[in-house]
Amino acid sequence: MNWTDLKNRADNRATLATLFSQNDTRAQDYSVRHGDMLLDFSKTHIGADDRALLLAMAANAGVEARRADMFSGVKINETEDRAVLHTALRNMGDDDIEVDGEGVMAGVRETRGRMAEFATAVRSGVIKGQGGQITDVVNIGIGGSDLGPAMAVLALAPYCDGPRVHFVSNVDGADIADTLHGLDPATTLVIVASKTFTTIETMTNARTAQAWMGEVVKDTGAQFAALSTAEEKTAEFGIAPSSVFGFEDWVGGRYSLWGPIGLSIMIAVGADDFDAFLRGAYDMDCHFRDAPLDENLPIWLALTGVWNNQGCGHSTRAVLPYDQRLTRLPAYFQQLEMESNGKSVAMDGSSLEVNSGPVVWGEPGTNGQHAFYQLIHQGTRVIPCEFMVAKSGHEEDLAHQHELLVANCLAQSEALMVGRSLEEATGIMAKRGLTGAELDRQARHRVFPGDRPSTTLVYPKLTPFVLGQIIALYEHRVFVEGVMLGINSYDQWGVELGKELANALTPVLRGEASEEGKDSSTRMLLDYLRS
């Protein structure tokens, strides 16, 4: 990878105003479409030579070969010796995929069928609680077992016609206490999502929920389901095998909502809409796999990220959906990107030549405009923005509000690009009657630097199919960036050390173990918390 060339080109980049003035068709030339989805990256500083360099870097990094390996079941997660096959969970084709010489699709389809039967039975009242039809579902998980389903259920609110679905993740007792408050144990189903059934936060909350339910319900196991491969442990918990849904080790947690981890989504929206969700992701898979690099949405979303981060040195990325129901999407993408590509060594163990993944954050518009956009527009650091907006909303009787929403989205990307000069600001303030030093002072506060990059993703409407497309688009973006960096995007050793130390500190907090060997700061904090 020639990162030096990329850095040199980025350091000598033309302004956005120059790029647009030199090319009357820049918007069309620097955007890609797939179906009804449009990605506009013309408001980035990528010029014609930069574009060619980025495409060459992707090709030289072996993105196409690595992509073929992923889809075919090659163990590209080399540090854990695992395949990476979340794409198999939404595969709607007739082809099989082999891992260690065995086809996986028969098992995927069988599990998907069992999920559909279970979800339909819960929604229709065939599966009941002690008090009758299930009215509420509590999904207990953490990380990928929580963020994905919680994000998707909120995003698909117009399609949620099943039981109310709630999510608990934090080991902080406030999370589960607030969630269970007001629910009826006799009509509540609890889903425990933990592959090993040992995740300490999840199992602590699961036992709390079991005790809460046990105060009313005689057979709590009948109102629990498990998303786990640990059949002995789920049986010990009292959960019947018919309510246990396992998944393979080639499905990473942050990529798992397409399979059993998505059971809460399926219960909320129904099997047909969940199927549409999978089909949207499969559609993006096919596009990513088959489209040429220069016409490929995930490729260009990744290349803009590489240009902004590793090229221009912008260390953060704001994800800004102008869609209230995508409130949790920035947090979901935060985990997807930062847990996947937050690495400092390449696949061979050598140190990276460049910085790895950016800090990803964001909130929906227009709320963010009244919170942190001030920093984005006038702060000293440049923050590339990724805007997302639908052509139409679900609330047809409120179409005028959607027009205002879209106008705000487009205005923000335009403002970031064009800014406002001191001369323009001076003219505005002069019309208000200011003169002299005060005119200059007030005008300077109203200058916008402009020339700040953004992309805009436009989709027709937030349906299950489109949500599937969007999530898969960003999954593949992370894959491409990881391949170009030469890292393993599918392990997460960075979460291990904190867990180990927390397990060791718990008995110290209880006074059951010595604090010997701890640093002075940790000892002071322990003493204060125990006093």
Protein backbone atom coordinates (compact mmCIF):
# COMPACT_ATOMS: atom_id res chain seq x y z
CA MET A 1 0.00 0.00 0.00
CA ASN A 2 1.41 3.38 -0.96
CA TRP A 3 0.19 5.42 1.98
CA THR A 4 2.85 8.08 1.33
CA ASP A 5 1.40 8.86 -2.09
CA LEU A 6 -2.08 9.08 -0.58
CA LYS A 7 -0.89 11.43 2.15
CA ASN A 8 0.95 13.61 -0.35
CA ARG A 9 -2.07 13.87 -2.61
CA ALA A 10 -4.31 14.69 0.38
CA ASP A 11 -1.89 17.33 1.63
CA ASN A 12 -2.05 19.03 -1.77
CA ARG A 13 -5.79 18.65 -2.28
CA ALA A 14 -7.79 21.27 -4.12
CA THR A 15 -10.63 23.06 -2.39
CA LEU A 16 -14.19 21.86 -2.92
CA ALA A 17 -14.99 25.14 -4.64
CA THR A 18 -12.16 24.56 -7.10
CA LEU A 19 -13.15 20.97 -7.78
CA PHE A 20 -16.73 21.96 -8.56
CA SER A 21 -15.67 24.93 -10.69
CA GLN A 22 -13.43 22.69 -12.79
CA ASN A 23 -16.09 20.07 -13.49
CA ASP A 24 -19.68 20.92 -14.37
CA THR A 25 -20.70 17.25 -13.96
CA ARG A 26 -18.81 16.59 -10.72
CA ALA A 27 -21.96 15.62 -8.78
CA GLN A 28 -22.80 12.94 -11.34
CA ASP A 29 -19.18 11.82 -11.77
CA TYR A 30 -18.56 11.47 -8.03
CA SER A 31 -21.68 9.58 -7.01
CA VAL A 32 -22.73 5.96 -7.34
CA ARG A 33 -26.16 4.39 -7.46
CA HIS A 34 -27.62 0.99 -6.77
CA GLY A 35 -31.30 0.56 -7.43
CA ASP A 36 -33.07 3.43 -5.66
CA MET A 37 -30.10 4.24 -3.45
CA LEU A 38 -27.69 7.11 -4.19
CA LEU A 39 -24.34 7.82 -2.55
CA ASP A 40 -23.03 11.31 -3.31
CA PHE A 41 -19.36 11.78 -2.43
CA SER A 42 -18.79 14.81 -4.64
CA LYS A 43 -18.46 17.04 -1.55
CA THR A 44 -15.23 15.31 -0.57
CA HIS A 45 -11.81 16.54 -1.73
CA ILE A 46 -11.27 13.55 -4.03
CA GLY A 47 -10.15 14.63 -7.50
CA ALA A 48 -9.66 12.59 -10.66
CA ASP A 49 -6.08 11.53 -9.84
CA ASP A 50 -7.01 10.86 -6.21
CA ARG A 51 -9.87 8.68 -7.37
CA ALA A 52 -7.57 6.64 -9.58
CA LEU A 53 -5.06 6.25 -6.75
CA LEU A 54 -7.71 5.10 -4.27
CA LEU A 55 -9.10 2.52 -6.69
CA ALA A 56 -5.58 1.26 -7.40
CA MET A 57 -4.87 0.99 -3.68
CA ALA A 58 -8.03 -1.08 -3.16
CA ALA A 59 -7.12 -3.35 -6.04
CA ASN A 60 -3.51 -3.71 -4.94
CA ALA A 61 -4.61 -4.54 -1.39
CA GLY A 62 -6.46 -7.56 -2.79
CA VAL A 63 -9.95 -6.39 -1.88
CA GLU A 64 -11.54 -8.42 -4.68
CA ALA A 65 -9.76 -11.65 -3.78
CA ARG A 66 -10.39 -11.17 -0.07
CA ARG A 67 -14.04 -10.42 -0.81
CA ALA A 68 -14.34 -13.71 -2.73
CA ASP A 69 -12.71 -15.52 0.18
CA MET A 70 -15.18 -14.07 2.67
CA PHE A 71 -18.26 -14.99 0.66
CA SER A 72 -16.96 -18.52 -0.01
CA GLY A 73 -16.21 -19.41 3.61
CA VAL A 74 -12.41 -19.11 3.68
CA LYS A 75 -11.21 -18.48 7.24
CA ILE A 76 -10.28 -14.84 6.86
CA ASN A 77 -10.50 -14.32 10.65
CA GLU A 78 -6.99 -15.67 10.95
CA THR A 79 -6.29 -14.89 14.60
CA GLU A 80 -9.25 -17.06 15.64
CA ASP A 81 -9.08 -19.48 12.69
CA ARG A 82 -12.69 -18.78 11.71
CA ALA A 83 -14.68 -18.07 8.60
CA VAL A 84 -16.61 -14.79 8.41
CA LEU A 85 -20.06 -15.72 7.15
CA HIS A 86 -22.69 -13.35 8.47
CA THR A 87 -23.56 -13.03 4.79
CA ALA A 88 -24.69 -16.68 4.83
CA LEU A 89 -27.41 -15.80 7.35
CA ARG A 90 -29.12 -13.63 4.72
CA ASN A 91 -28.14 -15.64 1.65
CA MET A 92 -31.27 -16.00 -0.47
CA GLY A 93 -29.56 -17.79 -3.34
CA ASP A 94 -29.57 -21.50 -4.10
CA ASP A 95 -25.81 -21.89 -3.73
CA ASP A 96 -24.28 -23.61 -0.73
CA ILE A 97 -21.26 -22.36 1.21
CA GLU A 98 -18.73 -24.71 2.75
CA VAL A 99 -16.70 -24.40 5.93
CA ASP A 100 -14.22 -27.19 6.64
CA GLY A 101 -15.75 -29.16 3.78
CA GLU A 102 -19.32 -29.02 5.09
CA GLY A 103 -22.18 -27.00 3.66
CA VAL A 104 -23.73 -24.46 6.03
CA MET A 105 -26.86 -23.29 4.22
CA ALA A 106 -29.09 -26.22 5.22
CA GLY A 107 -28.47 -25.38 8.88
CA VAL A 108 -29.01 -21.67 8.30
CA ARG A 109 -32.35 -22.29 6.60
CA GLU A 110 -33.44 -24.78 9.26
CA THR A 111 -32.69 -22.31 12.06
CA ARG A 112 -34.39 -19.49 10.17
CA GLY A 113 -37.48 -21.68 9.77
CA ARG A 114 -37.52 -22.52 13.49
CA MET A 115 -37.22 -18.83 14.31
CA ALA A 116 -40.16 -18.01 12.04
CA GLU A 117 -42.32 -20.72 13.63
CA PHE A 118 -41.45 -19.52 17.13
CA ALA A 119 -41.98 -15.83 16.35
CA THR A 120 -45.29 -16.53 14.63
CA ALA A 121 -46.45 -18.64 17.56
CA VAL A 122 -45.60 -15.86 20.02
CA ARG A 123 -47.29 -13.20 17.90
CA SER A 124 -50.43 -15.27 17.33
CA GLY A 125 -50.82 -16.40 20.95
CA VAL A 126 -50.05 -20.08 20.36
CA ILE A 127 -47.10 -19.63 22.70
CA LYS A 128 -48.54 -18.00 25.82
CA GLY A 129 -47.42 -16.88 29.19
CA GLN A 130 -48.96 -18.01 32.45
CA GLY A 131 -51.29 -15.01 32.21
CA GLY A 132 -52.23 -15.42 28.54
CA GLN A 133 -50.94 -13.96 25.29
CA ILE A 134 -47.45 -12.50 25.38
CA THR A 135 -47.66 -8.72 25.54
CA ASP A 136 -44.00 -7.87 26.11
CA VAL A 137 -40.63 -9.28 25.12
CA VAL A 138 -37.45 -8.41 27.01
CA ASN A 139 -34.24 -9.06 25.09
CA ILE A 140 -31.24 -9.37 27.41
CA GLY A 141 -27.83 -9.14 25.73
CA ILE A 142 -24.88 -6.82 25.37
CA GLY A 143 -22.78 -5.45 22.53
CA GLY A 144 -23.83 -7.00 19.25
CA SER A 145 -26.53 -9.01 21.01
CA ASP A 146 -28.20 -5.76 22.00
CA LEU A 147 -27.18 -2.88 19.75
CA GLY A 148 -28.28 -4.49 16.50
CA PRO A 149 -31.76 -5.68 17.52
CA ALA A 150 -32.44 -2.55 19.57
CA MET A 151 -31.48 -0.33 16.64
CA ALA A 152 -33.52 -2.34 14.12
CA VAL A 153 -36.71 -2.57 16.20
CA LEU A 154 -36.70 1.19 16.66
CA ALA A 155 -35.91 1.77 12.99
CA LEU A 156 -38.80 -0.46 11.90
CA ALA A 157 -41.39 1.00 14.27
CA PRO A 158 -44.03 1.39 11.50
CA TYR A 159 -43.85 -2.38 10.96
CA CYS A 160 -43.91 -3.40 14.63
CA ASP A 161 -47.31 -5.02 15.09
CA GLY A 162 -46.34 -7.75 17.55
CA PRO A 163 -45.64 -7.66 21.30
CA ARG A 164 -43.80 -4.66 22.68
CA VAL A 165 -40.06 -5.36 22.63
CA HIS A 166 -37.68 -3.99 25.29
CA PHE A 167 -33.91 -4.24 25.56
CA VAL A 168 -31.62 -4.65 28.57
CA SER A 169 -27.84 -4.61 28.24
CA ASN A 170 -26.11 -2.73 31.05
CA VAL A 171 -25.12 -4.63 34.19
CA ASP A 172 -26.14 -1.46 36.05
CA GLY A 173 -29.23 -2.61 37.93
CA ALA A 174 -31.04 0.56 36.87
CA ASP A 175 -31.30 -0.77 33.31
CA ILE A 176 -33.23 -3.93 34.11
CA ALA A 177 -35.15 -2.37 37.00
CA ASP A 178 -36.48 0.43 34.81
CA THR A 179 -37.26 -1.97 31.97
CA LEU A 180 -39.18 -4.49 34.07
CA HIS A 181 -41.07 -1.82 35.99
CA GLY A 182 -44.68 -1.84 34.85
CA LEU A 183 -44.45 -5.13 32.93
CA ASP A 184 -46.55 -8.15 33.84
CA PRO A 185 -44.34 -11.20 34.52
CA ALA A 186 -47.22 -13.49 33.55
CA THR A 187 -47.35 -12.11 29.99
CA THR A 188 -43.66 -11.36 29.42
CA LEU A 189 -41.22 -13.43 27.36
CA VAL A 190 -37.52 -13.02 28.14
CA ILE A 191 -34.89 -13.70 25.48
CA VAL A 192 -31.36 -14.26 26.77
CA ALA A 193 -28.74 -13.65 24.07
CA SER A 194 -25.34 -15.10 24.91
CA LYS A 195 -23.54 -17.60 22.68
CA THR A 196 -21.72 -19.22 25.62
CA PHE A 197 -24.42 -18.44 28.20
CA THR A 198 -21.63 -17.14 30.43
CA THR A 199 -21.42 -13.42 29.52
CA ILE A 200 -21.36 -11.92 32.99
CA GLU A 201 -23.50 -8.84 32.30
CA THR A 202 -26.11 -10.81 30.36
CA MET A 203 -26.34 -13.70 32.80
CA THR A 204 -26.51 -11.36 35.81
CA ASN A 205 -29.49 -9.60 34.21
CA ALA A 206 -31.01 -12.94 33.17
CA ARG A 207 -30.98 -14.21 36.75
CA THR A 208 -32.53 -10.94 37.94
CA ALA A 209 -35.30 -11.33 35.35
CA GLN A 210 -35.79 -14.95 36.35
CA ALA A 211 -36.18 -13.98 40.02
CA TRP A 212 -38.62 -11.18 39.07
CA MET A 213 -40.70 -13.55 36.99
CA GLY A 214 -40.51 -16.29 39.62
CA GLU A 215 -42.45 -14.17 42.08
CA VAL A 216 -45.54 -14.69 39.92
CA VAL A 217 -44.88 -17.44 37.38
CA LYS A 218 -44.55 -21.07 38.43
CA ASP A 219 -42.60 -22.33 35.40
CA THR A 220 -40.27 -19.47 34.44
CA GLY A 221 -38.42 -21.59 31.91
CA ALA A 222 -41.53 -21.71 29.75
CA GLN A 223 -41.34 -17.93 29.34
CA PHE A 224 -37.64 -17.78 28.50
CA ALA A 225 -35.89 -18.30 25.19
CA ALA A 226 -32.15 -18.48 24.60
CA LEU A 227 -29.96 -17.43 21.70
CA SER A 228 -27.02 -19.64 22.54
CA THR A 229 -25.02 -22.70 21.56
CA ALA A 230 -24.52 -23.81 25.19
CA GLU A 231 -27.39 -26.31 25.35
CA GLU A 232 -26.38 -27.77 28.72
CA LYS A 233 -26.36 -24.36 30.36
CA THR A 234 -29.67 -23.30 28.80
CA ALA A 235 -31.19 -26.57 30.01
CA GLU A 236 -29.88 -25.91 33.53
CA PHE A 237 -31.62 -22.53 33.33
CA GLY A 238 -34.87 -24.35 32.62
CA ILE A 239 -35.25 -23.37 28.96
CA ALA A 240 -36.73 -26.01 26.66
CA PRO A 241 -34.66 -27.03 23.60
CA SER A 242 -37.46 -25.82 21.32
CA SER A 243 -36.85 -22.30 22.65
CA VAL A 244 -33.09 -22.37 22.12
CA PHE A 245 -31.57 -21.04 18.89
CA GLY A 246 -27.85 -21.49 18.30
CA PHE A 247 -25.44 -19.96 15.81
CA GLU A 248 -21.97 -20.83 14.58
CA ASP A 249 -18.63 -19.32 15.53
CA TRP A 250 -18.34 -17.83 12.04
CA VAL A 251 -20.92 -15.22 13.05
CA GLY A 252 -19.36 -12.34 14.97
CA GLY A 253 -21.44 -10.59 17.61
CA ARG A 254 -21.60 -7.21 15.87
CA TYR A 255 -22.65 -8.95 12.65
CA SER A 256 -25.22 -11.28 14.20
CA LEU A 257 -28.63 -9.59 13.96
CA TRP A 258 -29.31 -11.47 10.69
CA GLY A 259 -29.66 -14.79 12.52
CA PRO A 260 -30.98 -15.92 15.92
CA ILE A 261 -29.85 -12.66 17.57
CA GLY A 262 -32.53 -11.06 15.41
CA LEU A 263 -35.33 -13.13 16.99
CA SER A 264 -36.64 -10.06 18.86
CA ILE A 265 -36.80 -8.19 15.55
CA MET A 266 -38.76 -11.02 13.97
CA ILE A 267 -41.20 -11.12 16.88
CA ALA A 268 -41.70 -7.36 16.60
CA VAL A 269 -42.25 -7.10 12.83
CA GLY A 270 -43.21 -10.64 11.80
CA ALA A 271 -41.46 -13.27 9.70
CA ASP A 272 -42.35 -11.69 6.35
CA ASP A 273 -40.88 -8.28 7.15
CA PHE A 274 -37.83 -9.91 8.73
CA ASP A 275 -37.44 -11.82 5.47
CA ALA A 276 -37.59 -8.50 3.58
CA PHE A 277 -34.89 -7.18 5.93
CA LEU A 278 -32.66 -10.13 5.01
CA ARG A 279 -33.41 -9.67 1.31
CA GLY A 280 -32.29 -6.06 1.46
CA ALA A 281 -28.96 -7.11 2.94
CA TYR A 282 -28.63 -9.91 0.38
CA ASP A 283 -29.30 -7.39 -2.38
CA MET A 284 -26.40 -5.26 -1.12
CA ASP A 285 -24.23 -8.39 -0.81
CA CYS A 286 -24.83 -9.18 -4.49
CA HIS A 287 -24.07 -5.59 -5.49
CA PHE A 288 -20.87 -5.54 -3.43
CA ARG A 289 -19.76 -8.90 -4.80
CA ASP A 290 -20.57 -8.25 -8.47
CA ALA A 291 -20.33 -4.51 -9.24
CA PRO A 292 -17.03 -3.13 -10.58
CA LEU A 293 -14.98 -1.29 -7.99
CA ASP A 294 -15.63 2.13 -9.50
CA GLU A 295 -19.42 1.56 -9.46
CA ASN A 296 -19.61 -0.11 -6.07
CA LEU A 297 -21.34 1.64 -3.12
CA PRO A 298 -19.44 -0.11 -0.29
CA ILE A 299 -16.16 0.44 -2.12
CA TRP A 300 -16.73 4.18 -2.43
CA LEU A 301 -18.05 4.57 1.08
CA ALA A 302 -14.83 2.88 2.24
CA LEU A 303 -12.56 4.88 -0.05
CA THR A 304 -14.01 8.18 1.14
CA GLY A 305 -13.33 7.00 4.68
CA VAL A 306 -9.74 6.07 3.84
CA TRP A 307 -9.22 9.39 2.04
CA ASN A 308 -10.58 11.42 4.97
CA ASN A 309 -8.88 9.45 7.74
CA GLN A 310 -5.61 7.97 6.52
CA GLY A 311 -5.17 10.57 3.76
CA CYS A 312 -6.34 13.91 5.16
CA GLY A 313 -5.78 12.97 8.81
CA HIS A 314 -9.34 13.61 10.00
CA SER A 315 -9.59 11.35 13.03
CA THR A 316 -13.36 11.34 13.58
CA ARG A 317 -16.43 10.66 11.46
CA ALA A 318 -19.95 11.91 12.20
CA VAL A 319 -22.85 9.69 11.09
CA LEU A 320 -25.89 11.95 10.79
CA PRO A 321 -29.14 10.23 9.79
CA TYR A 322 -31.97 12.63 9.07
CA ASP A 323 -34.40 9.96 10.17
CA GLN A 324 -35.59 9.91 13.79
CA ARG A 325 -36.12 6.16 13.76
CA LEU A 326 -32.40 5.71 13.07
CA THR A 327 -31.55 7.21 16.46
CA ARG A 328 -29.50 4.14 17.45
CA LEU A 329 -27.79 3.72 14.07
CA PRO A 330 -24.74 5.91 14.88
CA ALA A 331 -24.10 3.84 18.02
CA TYR A 332 -24.51 0.65 16.01
CA PHE A 333 -22.03 1.86 13.38
CA GLN A 334 -19.75 3.04 16.17
CA GLN A 335 -19.40 -0.53 17.41
CA LEU A 336 -19.25 -1.94 13.89
CA GLU A 337 -16.34 0.29 12.89
CA MET A 338 -14.44 0.85 16.12
CA GLU A 339 -14.55 -2.73 17.38
CA SER A 340 -13.73 -4.08 13.92
CA ASN A 341 -10.98 -1.72 12.82
CA GLY A 342 -9.70 -0.38 16.14
CA LYS A 343 -6.41 -2.24 15.76
CA SER A 344 -2.74 -1.28 15.87
CA VAL A 345 -1.10 -4.33 14.26
CA ALA A 346 -1.46 -5.85 10.82
CA MET A 347 -2.47 -9.44 10.17
CA ASP A 348 1.18 -10.54 10.40
CA GLY A 349 1.65 -8.85 13.78
CA SER A 350 3.64 -5.89 12.50
CA SER A 351 2.75 -2.35 13.54
CA LEU A 352 0.49 -0.37 11.23
CA GLU A 353 2.08 2.30 9.05
CA VAL A 354 -0.94 4.60 9.44
CA ASN A 355 -3.72 5.25 11.90
CA SER A 356 -6.47 2.66 11.92
CA GLY A 357 -10.20 3.31 12.20
CA PRO A 358 -11.66 6.73 13.09
CA VAL A 359 -13.77 7.69 16.08
CA VAL A 360 -17.37 7.24 14.89
CA TRP A 361 -20.21 9.14 16.52
CA GLY A 362 -23.39 11.01 15.70
CA GLU A 363 -27.04 11.75 16.35
CA PRO A 364 -30.09 12.22 14.14
CA GLY A 365 -30.79 15.53 12.45
CA THR A 366 -32.26 17.95 13.14
CA ASN A 367 -31.58 17.42 16.87
CA GLY A 368 -27.83 17.43 16.30
CA GLN A 369 -28.04 20.83 14.64
CA HIS A 370 -28.95 22.29 18.02
CA ALA A 371 -26.28 20.34 19.87
CA PHE A 372 -22.88 19.76 18.25
CA TYR A 373 -23.08 21.14 14.70
CA GLN A 374 -21.53 24.35 16.03
CA LEU A 375 -18.24 22.49 16.40
CA ILE A 376 -18.62 20.85 13.00
CA HIS A 377 -19.13 24.18 11.24
CA GLN A 378 -16.81 26.55 13.13
CA GLY A 379 -14.54 24.39 15.27
CA THR A 380 -10.81 24.12 14.64
CA ARG A 381 -10.93 20.41 13.72
CA VAL A 382 -12.45 19.12 10.49
CA ILE A 383 -15.06 16.40 11.03
CA PRO A 384 -16.18 14.59 7.88
CA CYS A 385 -19.95 14.11 7.94
CA GLU A 386 -22.03 11.29 6.53
CA PHE A 387 -25.59 12.47 5.98
CA MET A 388 -28.41 10.00 5.40
CA VAL A 389 -31.96 10.88 4.35
CA ALA A 390 -35.05 9.23 2.86
CA LYS A 391 -36.88 10.63 -0.16
CA SER A 392 -40.15 10.15 1.71
CA GLY A 393 -41.33 9.33 5.22
CA HIS A 394 -44.04 7.02 6.49
CA GLU A 395 -46.19 9.85 7.82
CA GLU A 396 -47.93 10.95 4.63
CA ASP A 397 -50.13 13.42 6.50
CA LEU A 398 -46.96 15.12 7.75
CA ALA A 399 -45.23 15.38 4.37
CA HIS A 400 -44.55 19.06 4.97
CA GLN A 401 -42.41 18.13 7.97
CA HIS A 402 -40.43 15.66 5.89
CA GLU A 403 -39.77 18.40 3.34
CA LEU A 404 -38.37 20.55 6.14
CA LEU A 405 -36.24 17.64 7.31
CA VAL A 406 -34.79 17.05 3.84
CA ALA A 407 -34.18 20.78 3.35
CA ASN A 408 -32.19 20.87 6.58
CA CYS A 409 -30.11 17.86 5.56
CA LEU A 410 -29.19 19.33 2.19
CA ALA A 411 -28.57 22.75 3.73
CA GLN A 412 -26.07 21.35 6.22
CA SER A 413 -23.93 19.66 3.58
CA GLU A 414 -24.09 22.80 1.44
CA ALA A 415 -23.12 25.02 4.37
CA LEU A 416 -20.18 22.78 5.24
CA MET A 417 -18.93 23.09 1.68
CA VAL A 418 -19.50 26.76 0.83
CA GLY A 419 -19.08 28.36 4.25
CA ARG A 420 -19.28 32.15 4.64
CA SER A 421 -16.39 34.54 4.01
CA LEU A 422 -15.42 37.51 6.17
CA GLU A 423 -16.52 39.81 3.35
CA GLU A 424 -19.98 38.21 3.27
CA ALA A 425 -20.26 38.32 7.05
CA THR A 426 -19.19 41.98 7.08
CA GLY A 427 -21.86 42.84 4.55
CA ILE A 428 -24.53 41.13 6.64
CA MET A 429 -23.55 42.95 9.82
CA ALA A 430 -23.17 46.30 8.05
CA LYS A 431 -26.81 46.06 7.02
CA ARG A 432 -27.61 45.82 10.74
CA GLY A 433 -26.02 49.21 11.27
CA LEU A 434 -22.64 48.19 12.71
CA THR A 435 -19.51 50.13 11.80
CA GLY A 436 -15.82 50.29 12.57
CA ALA A 437 -14.15 47.91 15.00
CA GLU A 438 -17.45 46.52 16.25
CA LEU A 439 -18.47 45.65 12.70
CA ASP A 440 -15.22 43.75 12.20
CA ARG A 441 -15.48 41.98 15.55
CA GLN A 442 -19.06 40.85 15.07
CA ALA A 443 -18.43 39.82 11.46
CA ARG A 444 -15.55 37.53 12.44
CA HIS A 445 -17.84 35.57 14.75
CA ARG A 446 -20.09 34.85 11.77
CA VAL A 447 -17.44 33.47 9.42
CA PHE A 448 -17.79 29.84 8.41
CA PRO A 449 -14.56 28.30 7.04
CA GLY A 450 -16.43 25.99 4.67
CA ASP A 451 -14.51 23.52 2.50
CA ARG A 452 -15.51 20.76 4.93
CA PRO A 453 -16.21 17.31 3.47
CA SER A 454 -19.40 15.30 3.60
CA THR A 455 -21.17 12.46 1.85
CA THR A 456 -24.92 12.02 1.47
CA LEU A 457 -26.75 8.71 1.20
CA VAL A 458 -30.29 8.98 -0.16
CA TYR A 459 -32.74 6.08 -0.02
CA PRO A 460 -36.44 5.89 -0.98
CA LYS A 461 -38.07 5.14 2.41
CA LEU A 462 -36.96 3.37 5.57
CA THR A 463 -38.47 -0.06 4.94
CA PRO A 464 -37.18 -3.42 6.20
CA PHE A 465 -35.57 -4.01 2.79
CA VAL A 466 -33.84 -0.62 2.80
CA LEU A 467 -32.65 -0.99 6.40
CA GLY A 468 -31.06 -4.29 5.40
CA GLN A 469 -29.33 -2.58 2.49
CA ILE A 470 -27.98 0.23 4.68
CA ILE A 471 -26.56 -2.05 7.37
CA ALA A 472 -24.94 -4.39 4.83
CA LEU A 473 -23.51 -1.36 3.00
CA TYR A 474 -21.70 -0.25 6.15
CA GLU A 475 -20.61 -3.79 7.04
CA HIS A 476 -18.89 -4.13 3.69
CA ARG A 477 -17.39 -0.65 4.04
CA VAL A 478 -15.70 -1.78 7.25
CA PHE A 479 -14.46 -4.93 5.47
CA VAL A 480 -12.88 -2.93 2.63
CA GLU A 481 -11.18 -0.49 5.00
CA GLY A 482 -9.84 -3.41 7.04
CA VAL A 483 -8.41 -5.14 3.98
CA MET A 484 -6.73 -1.93 2.84
CA LEU A 485 -5.20 -1.51 6.30
CA GLY A 486 -4.12 -5.15 6.33
CA ILE A 487 -5.83 -5.88 9.66
CA ASN A 488 -8.27 -8.48 10.95
CA SER A 489 -11.63 -6.74 11.26
CA TYR A 490 -13.28 -9.76 12.87
CA ASP A 491 -11.57 -10.25 16.23
CA GLN A 492 -11.80 -7.96 19.26
CA TRP A 493 -9.05 -8.77 21.72
CA GLY A 494 -9.22 -5.22 23.02
CA VAL A 495 -12.29 -6.03 25.11
CA GLU A 496 -10.59 -8.88 27.00
CA LEU A 497 -8.19 -7.17 29.42
CA GLY A 498 -10.84 -4.99 31.06
CA LYS A 499 -13.07 -8.03 31.56
CA GLU A 500 -10.24 -9.97 33.23
CA LEU A 501 -9.41 -7.11 35.58
CA ALA A 502 -13.09 -6.55 36.45
CA ASN A 503 -13.45 -10.21 37.41
CA ALA A 504 -10.43 -9.85 39.68
CA LEU A 505 -11.66 -6.59 41.24
CA THR A 506 -15.15 -7.81 42.14
CA PRO A 507 -13.99 -9.88 45.15
CA VAL A 508 -11.71 -7.00 46.20
CA LEU A 509 -14.72 -4.67 46.29
CA ARG A 510 -16.55 -7.22 48.46
CA GLY A 511 -13.62 -7.46 50.87
CA GLU A 512 -13.04 -11.08 49.90
CA ALA A 513 -9.62 -10.55 48.29
CA SER A 514 -6.56 -8.38 48.78
CA GLU A 515 -5.85 -5.24 46.77
CA GLU A 516 -2.15 -6.09 46.84
CA GLY A 517 -0.45 -5.44 43.52
CA LYS A 518 -2.91 -2.74 42.45
CA ASP A 519 -1.66 0.72 41.54
CA SER A 520 -2.10 3.57 44.02
CA SER A 521 -4.95 5.18 42.06
CA THR A 522 -6.96 1.95 41.95
CA ARG A 523 -6.28 1.33 45.67
CA MET A 524 -7.46 4.85 46.57
CA LEU A 525 -10.65 4.42 44.52
CA LEU A 526 -11.29 1.03 46.11
CA ASP A 527 -10.83 2.45 49.61
CA TYR A 528 -13.19 5.34 48.86
CA LEU A 529 -15.89 3.11 47.35
CA ARG A 530 -15.75 0.66 50.26
CA SER A 531 -15.77 3.32 52.96
